[in-house]
Amino acid sequence: MPPLRTTGTGPEAEDPGYAGRYRLEGRLGSGGMGVVHLARSTSGMRLAVKVVHPEYAVDPEFRARFRQEVAAARRVSGAFTAPVVDADPHGERPWMATLYIPGPTLSERVKRNGPLTPDEVRRLAAGLAEALRDIHRAGVVHRDLKPSNVLLAEDGPKVIDFGISRPYDSELRTETGKLIGTPPFMAPEQFQRPREVGPAADVFALASLLVHAATGRGPFESDSPYIVAYQVVHNEPDLDGVPADLVPLVRACLAKEPEDRPTPDAIMAQLPRLPHTGPTGPGGTGRLGGLAGNGPGQDLVPTHVRIPPQPEERPGAG
């Protein structure tokens, strides 16, 4: 684990020393929306505190979206997420504190140790299906489930970073023609009908994430987000390397039409019986806490993509 960057000297000197009553001890990571710091409560509990960037703190639209993030995180706070401890979405520099959860993200785990074993992939599938069931029961769609937003904790995977999630009853809506997410883990409807995205989009992302865990790549691969978008909408997924007993389930979750995908409850019912051989994410500890989502240099910046007309065949799209 690299040393934490301090908050009082050097290039980070403009960082606040406190968020509310919590003293910020050092940076855990930085994303497109803010900086995540390690902090401690009065009792000594370790927290991950997200403080929004100063330039966004003066943007009314961003502040509204941060309030939505806090509301969504509070609604789903529980066994499968990083519980919210405190927040001030109305402050001069809005912030939110969650319980710090040690452990690598799935992205870090795959980069460091390679693909997960078949049993690890099965346990990950079960843990994430339970997490999505809980999140959807709370009335929230995550909309950005990806390897850097899944922490591999000792007691199972935790879904983090609800920065672009949306409660079903939210007044905020995605603007027409503007898509927000991470293309390799977005569902077809996120490109085609972004205002109609529902829980089934998270199921599609879950399947893409399982392919990444099993193979180190996604079911749709290209250096161009435009080509990935075309593949997601039109092409069949590449499932080579996925455990054979999971292929039918993963393929069903990657159905192009949302209504053809199984629910999280159905996923859990279809999973093979899992051996109880340990936690989902063996292999070292990580540096990111509950809100970190993205490590230094891995900013979560909304990706705006328009899908141009495409021919039947395109180089690199296959």
Protein backbone atom coordinates (compact mmCIF):
# COMPACT_ATOMS: atom_id res chain seq x y z
CA MET A 1 0.00 0.00 0.00
CA PRO A 2 1.59 3.31 -1.04
CA PRO A 3 1.89 6.05 1.59
CA LEU A 4 -1.06 8.37 1.84
CA ARG A 5 -0.55 11.88 0.55
CA THR A 6 -0.80 14.47 3.30
CA THR A 7 -3.25 17.36 3.30
CA GLY A 8 -1.12 20.16 4.73
CA THR A 9 1.94 20.65 2.51
CA GLY A 10 3.10 20.39 -1.07
CA PRO A 11 0.90 20.47 -4.17
CA GLU A 12 -2.15 19.27 -2.22
CA ALA A 13 -1.97 22.22 0.22
CA GLU A 14 -5.28 23.59 -1.09
CA ASP A 15 -7.06 20.48 0.19
CA PRO A 16 -9.25 21.09 3.24
CA GLY A 17 -7.92 19.90 6.59
CA TYR A 18 -11.39 18.92 7.82
CA ALA A 19 -14.73 17.79 6.46
CA GLY A 20 -17.22 18.78 9.12
CA ARG A 21 -15.71 17.51 12.35
CA TYR A 22 -13.56 14.87 10.65
CA ARG A 23 -9.83 15.52 10.30
CA LEU A 24 -8.60 14.37 6.89
CA GLU A 25 -5.42 12.31 7.28
CA GLY A 26 -4.47 11.78 3.62
CA ARG A 27 -5.68 11.05 0.12
CA LEU A 28 -7.00 7.66 -0.87
CA GLY A 29 -7.77 8.60 -4.47
CA SER A 30 -9.05 11.26 -6.82
CA GLY A 31 -11.92 11.05 -9.29
CA GLY A 32 -13.76 13.28 -11.69
CA MET A 33 -16.12 14.56 -9.02
CA GLY A 34 -13.88 14.90 -5.99
CA VAL A 35 -11.05 13.69 -3.79
CA VAL A 36 -11.41 10.80 -1.34
CA HIS A 37 -9.55 11.11 1.96
CA LEU A 38 -8.90 8.77 4.84
CA ALA A 39 -10.30 10.16 8.09
CA ARG A 40 -11.22 9.01 11.59
CA SER A 41 -14.31 9.57 13.65
CA THR A 42 -14.13 10.71 17.28
CA SER A 43 -14.20 7.07 18.37
CA GLY A 44 -11.32 6.19 16.02
CA MET A 45 -13.40 4.53 13.29
CA ARG A 46 -11.70 4.78 9.88
CA LEU A 47 -13.72 6.58 7.24
CA ALA A 48 -13.44 7.33 3.53
CA VAL A 49 -14.51 10.95 3.00
CA LYS A 50 -15.32 12.26 -0.46
CA VAL A 51 -14.91 16.05 -0.82
CA VAL A 52 -16.05 17.58 -4.10
CA HIS A 53 -13.64 19.58 -6.24
CA PRO A 54 -13.86 23.36 -5.62
CA GLU A 55 -14.92 24.13 -9.19
CA TYR A 56 -17.93 21.82 -8.86
CA ALA A 57 -18.92 23.16 -5.45
CA VAL A 58 -20.11 26.38 -7.11
CA ASP A 59 -22.08 24.60 -9.87
CA PRO A 60 -25.79 24.34 -8.92
CA GLU A 61 -26.41 21.39 -11.27
CA PHE A 62 -23.48 19.47 -9.84
CA ARG A 63 -24.57 20.20 -6.28
CA ALA A 64 -28.00 18.80 -7.12
CA ARG A 65 -26.39 15.65 -8.51
CA PHE A 66 -24.17 15.30 -5.44
CA ARG A 67 -27.24 15.56 -3.22
CA GLN A 68 -28.73 12.78 -5.34
CA GLU A 69 -25.58 10.68 -4.87
CA VAL A 70 -25.77 11.12 -1.10
CA ALA A 71 -29.46 10.21 -1.10
CA ALA A 72 -28.84 7.12 -3.22
CA ALA A 73 -25.90 5.98 -1.09
CA ARG A 74 -27.98 6.38 2.06
CA ARG A 75 -30.85 4.41 0.57
CA VAL A 76 -28.63 1.43 -0.26
CA SER A 77 -26.33 1.67 2.78
CA GLY A 78 -25.97 -1.86 4.12
CA ALA A 79 -24.20 -5.20 3.88
CA PHE A 80 -23.31 -4.93 0.19
CA THR A 81 -22.13 -1.31 0.06
CA ALA A 82 -19.95 1.05 2.09
CA PRO A 83 -22.35 2.37 4.77
CA VAL A 84 -22.82 6.12 4.89
CA VAL A 85 -21.72 7.54 8.24
CA ASP A 86 -22.24 11.28 7.73
CA ALA A 87 -22.57 13.87 4.96
CA ASP A 88 -23.04 17.56 4.27
CA PRO A 89 -24.25 17.96 0.67
CA HIS A 90 -25.21 21.60 1.35
CA GLY A 91 -21.85 22.83 2.70
CA GLU A 92 -19.42 25.20 0.98
CA ARG A 93 -17.42 22.10 -0.05
CA PRO A 94 -19.98 19.27 -0.06
CA TRP A 95 -18.72 15.98 1.35
CA MET A 96 -19.83 12.47 2.26
CA ALA A 97 -18.24 10.00 4.68
CA THR A 98 -18.61 6.23 4.46
CA LEU A 99 -17.06 3.43 6.44
CA TYR A 100 -13.54 2.71 5.14
CA ILE A 101 -13.38 -0.80 3.69
CA PRO A 102 -9.90 -2.25 3.19
CA GLY A 103 -9.42 -4.39 0.13
CA PRO A 104 -8.52 -4.03 -3.55
CA THR A 105 -10.98 -3.13 -6.24
CA LEU A 106 -11.73 -5.87 -8.76
CA SER A 107 -9.81 -3.81 -11.31
CA GLU A 108 -6.69 -3.75 -9.12
CA ARG A 109 -7.03 -7.45 -8.26
CA VAL A 110 -7.14 -8.50 -11.95
CA LYS A 111 -4.28 -6.17 -12.90
CA ARG A 112 -2.11 -7.45 -10.06
CA ASN A 113 -2.90 -11.18 -10.06
CA GLY A 114 -4.61 -11.90 -13.36
CA PRO A 115 -8.11 -13.35 -13.86
CA LEU A 116 -9.96 -14.88 -10.95
CA THR A 117 -10.31 -18.65 -10.61
CA PRO A 118 -13.65 -20.20 -11.65
CA ASP A 119 -14.74 -20.59 -8.02
CA GLU A 120 -13.82 -16.96 -7.31
CA VAL A 121 -15.86 -15.85 -10.33
CA ARG A 122 -18.85 -17.86 -9.09
CA ARG A 123 -18.62 -16.34 -5.62
CA LEU A 124 -18.28 -12.89 -7.17
CA ALA A 125 -21.40 -13.52 -9.25
CA ALA A 126 -23.36 -14.57 -6.16
CA GLY A 127 -22.15 -11.60 -4.11
CA LEU A 128 -22.89 -9.05 -6.80
CA ALA A 129 -26.32 -10.53 -7.53
CA GLU A 130 -27.15 -10.15 -3.83
CA ALA A 131 -25.81 -6.60 -3.91
CA LEU A 132 -27.94 -5.65 -6.94
CA ARG A 133 -31.02 -7.23 -5.37
CA ASP A 134 -30.46 -5.03 -2.31
CA ILE A 135 -29.74 -1.89 -4.36
CA HIS A 136 -32.76 -2.36 -6.61
CA ARG A 137 -35.05 -3.10 -3.67
CA ALA A 138 -34.00 0.30 -2.31
CA GLY A 139 -35.26 1.84 -5.54
CA VAL A 140 -31.85 2.72 -7.01
CA VAL A 141 -30.20 1.96 -10.37
CA HIS A 142 -26.39 2.15 -10.12
CA ARG A 143 -25.73 2.74 -13.87
CA ASP A 144 -21.92 2.50 -13.59
CA LEU A 145 -21.14 -0.99 -12.26
CA LYS A 146 -17.56 -1.72 -13.36
CA PRO A 147 -14.39 -3.32 -11.93
CA SER A 148 -13.15 -0.12 -10.26
CA ASN A 149 -16.50 0.27 -8.49
CA VAL A 150 -16.39 -3.16 -6.82
CA LEU A 151 -14.32 -3.63 -3.66
CA LEU A 152 -13.21 -7.16 -2.77
CA ALA A 153 -13.63 -7.09 0.99
CA GLU A 154 -13.00 -10.03 3.33
CA ASP A 155 -16.73 -10.69 3.68
CA GLY A 156 -17.55 -10.40 -0.02
CA PRO A 157 -17.79 -7.77 -2.76
CA LYS A 158 -19.01 -4.25 -2.01
CA VAL A 159 -20.53 -1.99 -4.66
CA ILE A 160 -19.31 1.60 -4.36
CA ASP A 161 -19.52 5.01 -6.06
CA PHE A 162 -23.13 6.01 -6.67
CA GLY A 163 -22.06 9.22 -8.42
CA ILE A 164 -24.26 8.66 -11.49
CA SER A 165 -26.83 6.35 -9.92
CA ARG A 166 -30.47 7.34 -10.04
CA PRO A 167 -33.31 6.66 -7.63
CA TYR A 168 -36.42 5.55 -9.50
CA ASP A 169 -38.31 8.58 -8.16
CA SER A 170 -35.56 11.12 -8.90
CA GLU A 171 -36.53 14.43 -10.48
CA LEU A 172 -33.19 14.54 -12.35
CA ARG A 173 -33.04 13.01 -15.81
CA THR A 174 -30.26 12.42 -18.31
CA GLU A 175 -30.32 15.01 -21.08
CA THR A 176 -31.38 13.82 -24.52
CA GLY A 177 -28.35 12.84 -26.58
CA LYS A 178 -26.00 12.75 -23.59
CA LEU A 179 -24.84 9.36 -22.32
CA ILE A 180 -23.10 8.94 -19.00
CA GLY A 181 -21.21 5.82 -18.00
CA THR A 182 -18.29 3.59 -18.97
CA PRO A 183 -18.85 2.15 -22.49
CA PRO A 184 -17.44 -1.40 -21.98
CA PHE A 185 -19.87 -1.90 -19.07
CA MET A 186 -22.92 -0.05 -20.40
CA ALA A 187 -26.08 -1.79 -21.60
CA PRO A 188 -27.50 -1.23 -25.11
CA GLU A 189 -30.35 0.90 -23.78
CA GLN A 190 -27.86 3.28 -22.15
CA PHE A 191 -26.69 4.16 -25.68
CA GLN A 192 -30.07 4.02 -27.37
CA ARG A 193 -32.62 5.17 -24.74
CA PRO A 194 -30.69 6.75 -21.83
CA ARG A 195 -33.82 8.27 -20.30
CA GLU A 196 -35.36 4.79 -19.93
CA VAL A 197 -32.50 3.01 -18.16
CA GLY A 198 -33.70 0.69 -15.39
CA PRO A 199 -32.42 -2.12 -13.14
CA ALA A 200 -31.81 -4.47 -16.10
CA ALA A 201 -28.91 -2.23 -17.19
CA ASP A 202 -27.10 -3.14 -13.96
CA VAL A 203 -27.64 -6.85 -14.75
CA PHE A 204 -25.99 -6.34 -18.16
CA ALA A 205 -23.07 -4.59 -16.45
CA LEU A 206 -22.81 -7.43 -13.92
CA ALA A 207 -22.33 -9.93 -16.76
CA SER A 208 -19.70 -7.73 -18.44
CA LEU A 209 -17.91 -7.44 -15.13
CA LEU A 210 -17.91 -11.24 -14.66
CA VAL A 211 -16.35 -11.69 -18.12
CA HIS A 212 -13.63 -9.21 -17.10
CA ALA A 213 -13.06 -11.07 -13.83
CA ALA A 214 -12.77 -14.42 -15.62
CA THR A 215 -10.64 -13.32 -18.59
CA GLY A 216 -9.07 -9.92 -17.89
CA ARG A 217 -11.07 -8.34 -20.74
CA GLY A 218 -14.67 -7.47 -21.39
CA PRO A 219 -17.20 -9.20 -23.67
CA PHE A 220 -16.85 -6.26 -26.07
CA GLU A 221 -13.33 -4.96 -26.70
CA SER A 222 -11.85 -2.06 -28.63
CA ASP A 223 -9.60 0.93 -27.99
CA SER A 224 -12.39 3.15 -29.33
CA PRO A 225 -15.45 3.82 -27.13
CA TYR A 226 -17.46 4.37 -30.32
CA ILE A 227 -16.66 0.89 -31.61
CA VAL A 228 -17.37 -0.62 -28.18
CA ALA A 229 -20.73 1.14 -28.21
CA TYR A 230 -21.52 -0.33 -31.64
CA GLN A 231 -20.49 -3.80 -30.45
CA VAL A 232 -22.63 -3.56 -27.31
CA VAL A 233 -25.68 -2.60 -29.34
CA HIS A 234 -25.21 -4.92 -32.35
CA ASN A 235 -22.63 -7.71 -31.79
CA GLU A 236 -22.64 -10.98 -29.85
CA PRO A 237 -20.36 -11.07 -26.78
CA ASP A 238 -17.04 -12.91 -26.69
CA LEU A 239 -17.37 -15.37 -23.78
CA ASP A 240 -14.23 -17.43 -24.39
CA GLY A 241 -12.59 -18.12 -21.04
CA VAL A 242 -15.74 -17.79 -18.94
CA PRO A 243 -16.38 -20.92 -16.79
CA ALA A 244 -18.55 -23.23 -18.90
CA ASP A 245 -21.27 -23.60 -16.26
CA LEU A 246 -21.68 -19.81 -16.13
CA VAL A 247 -21.79 -19.17 -19.89
CA PRO A 248 -25.60 -19.65 -20.32
CA LEU A 249 -26.32 -17.33 -17.39
CA VAL A 250 -23.82 -14.68 -18.51
CA ARG A 251 -25.21 -14.83 -22.06
CA ALA A 252 -28.75 -14.36 -20.74
CA CYS A 253 -27.65 -11.33 -18.70
CA LEU A 254 -26.11 -9.84 -21.86
CA ALA A 255 -29.39 -10.01 -23.81
CA LYS A 256 -29.86 -6.93 -25.96
CA GLU A 257 -33.40 -6.29 -24.68
CA PRO A 258 -33.76 -5.44 -20.96
CA GLU A 259 -36.88 -7.58 -20.53
CA ASP A 260 -34.96 -10.68 -21.70
CA ARG A 261 -32.41 -10.48 -18.85
CA PRO A 262 -32.86 -12.34 -15.55
CA THR A 263 -33.43 -10.46 -12.31
CA PRO A 264 -30.86 -10.62 -9.49
CA ASP A 265 -33.11 -13.13 -7.69
CA ALA A 266 -33.22 -15.31 -10.80
CA ILE A 267 -29.43 -15.08 -11.14
CA MET A 268 -28.97 -16.34 -7.59
CA ALA A 269 -31.41 -19.20 -8.22
CA GLN A 270 -29.51 -20.26 -11.35
CA LEU A 271 -26.01 -20.12 -9.92
CA PRO A 272 -24.40 -23.51 -9.21
CA ARG A 273 -23.96 -24.44 -5.55
CA LEU A 274 -20.78 -22.73 -4.38
CA PRO A 275 -18.08 -24.31 -2.20
CA HIS A 276 -17.44 -22.34 0.99
CA THR A 277 -13.69 -21.95 0.61
CA GLY A 278 -13.11 -18.36 1.64
CA PRO A 279 -13.74 -14.75 0.65
CA THR A 280 -14.26 -13.58 -2.90
CA GLY A 281 -11.07 -11.59 -3.21
CA PRO A 282 -7.94 -13.33 -1.91
CA GLY A 283 -4.55 -11.94 -2.73
CA GLY A 284 -3.46 -8.91 -0.77
CA THR A 285 -4.97 -5.70 0.47
CA GLY A 286 -5.79 -2.59 -1.45
CA ARG A 287 -5.57 1.13 -0.93
CA LEU A 288 -9.07 2.28 -1.79
CA GLY A 289 -11.86 2.76 0.69
CA GLY A 290 -15.60 2.80 0.34
CA LEU A 291 -15.90 5.89 -1.85
CA ALA A 292 -12.63 5.78 -3.72
CA GLY A 293 -13.98 4.08 -6.81
CA ASN A 294 -11.03 5.28 -8.87
CA GLY A 295 -7.38 5.38 -7.90
CA PRO A 296 -5.05 8.28 -8.70
CA GLY A 297 -5.03 8.86 -12.44
CA GLN A 298 -8.30 6.91 -12.92
CA ASP A 299 -10.77 9.79 -12.93
CA LEU A 300 -14.43 8.96 -13.18
CA VAL A 301 -15.33 11.42 -15.90
CA PRO A 302 -18.75 10.98 -17.53
CA THR A 303 -18.32 9.66 -21.07
CA HIS A 304 -20.50 11.42 -23.61
CA VAL A 305 -20.95 9.32 -26.71
CA ARG A 306 -23.13 9.72 -29.77
CA ILE A 307 -23.47 6.62 -31.93
CA PRO A 308 -22.97 7.52 -35.59
CA PRO A 309 -24.53 5.38 -38.34
CA GLN A 310 -22.46 2.22 -38.73
CA PRO A 311 -21.99 -0.21 -41.63
CA GLU A 312 -22.62 -3.92 -41.19
CA GLU A 313 -18.90 -4.64 -40.86
CA ARG A 314 -16.30 -2.30 -39.43
CA PRO A 315 -12.58 -2.91 -38.90
CA GLY A 316 -11.88 -3.82 -35.30
CA ALA A 317 -15.54 -4.39 -34.44
CA GLY A 318 -15.86 -8.09 -34.04
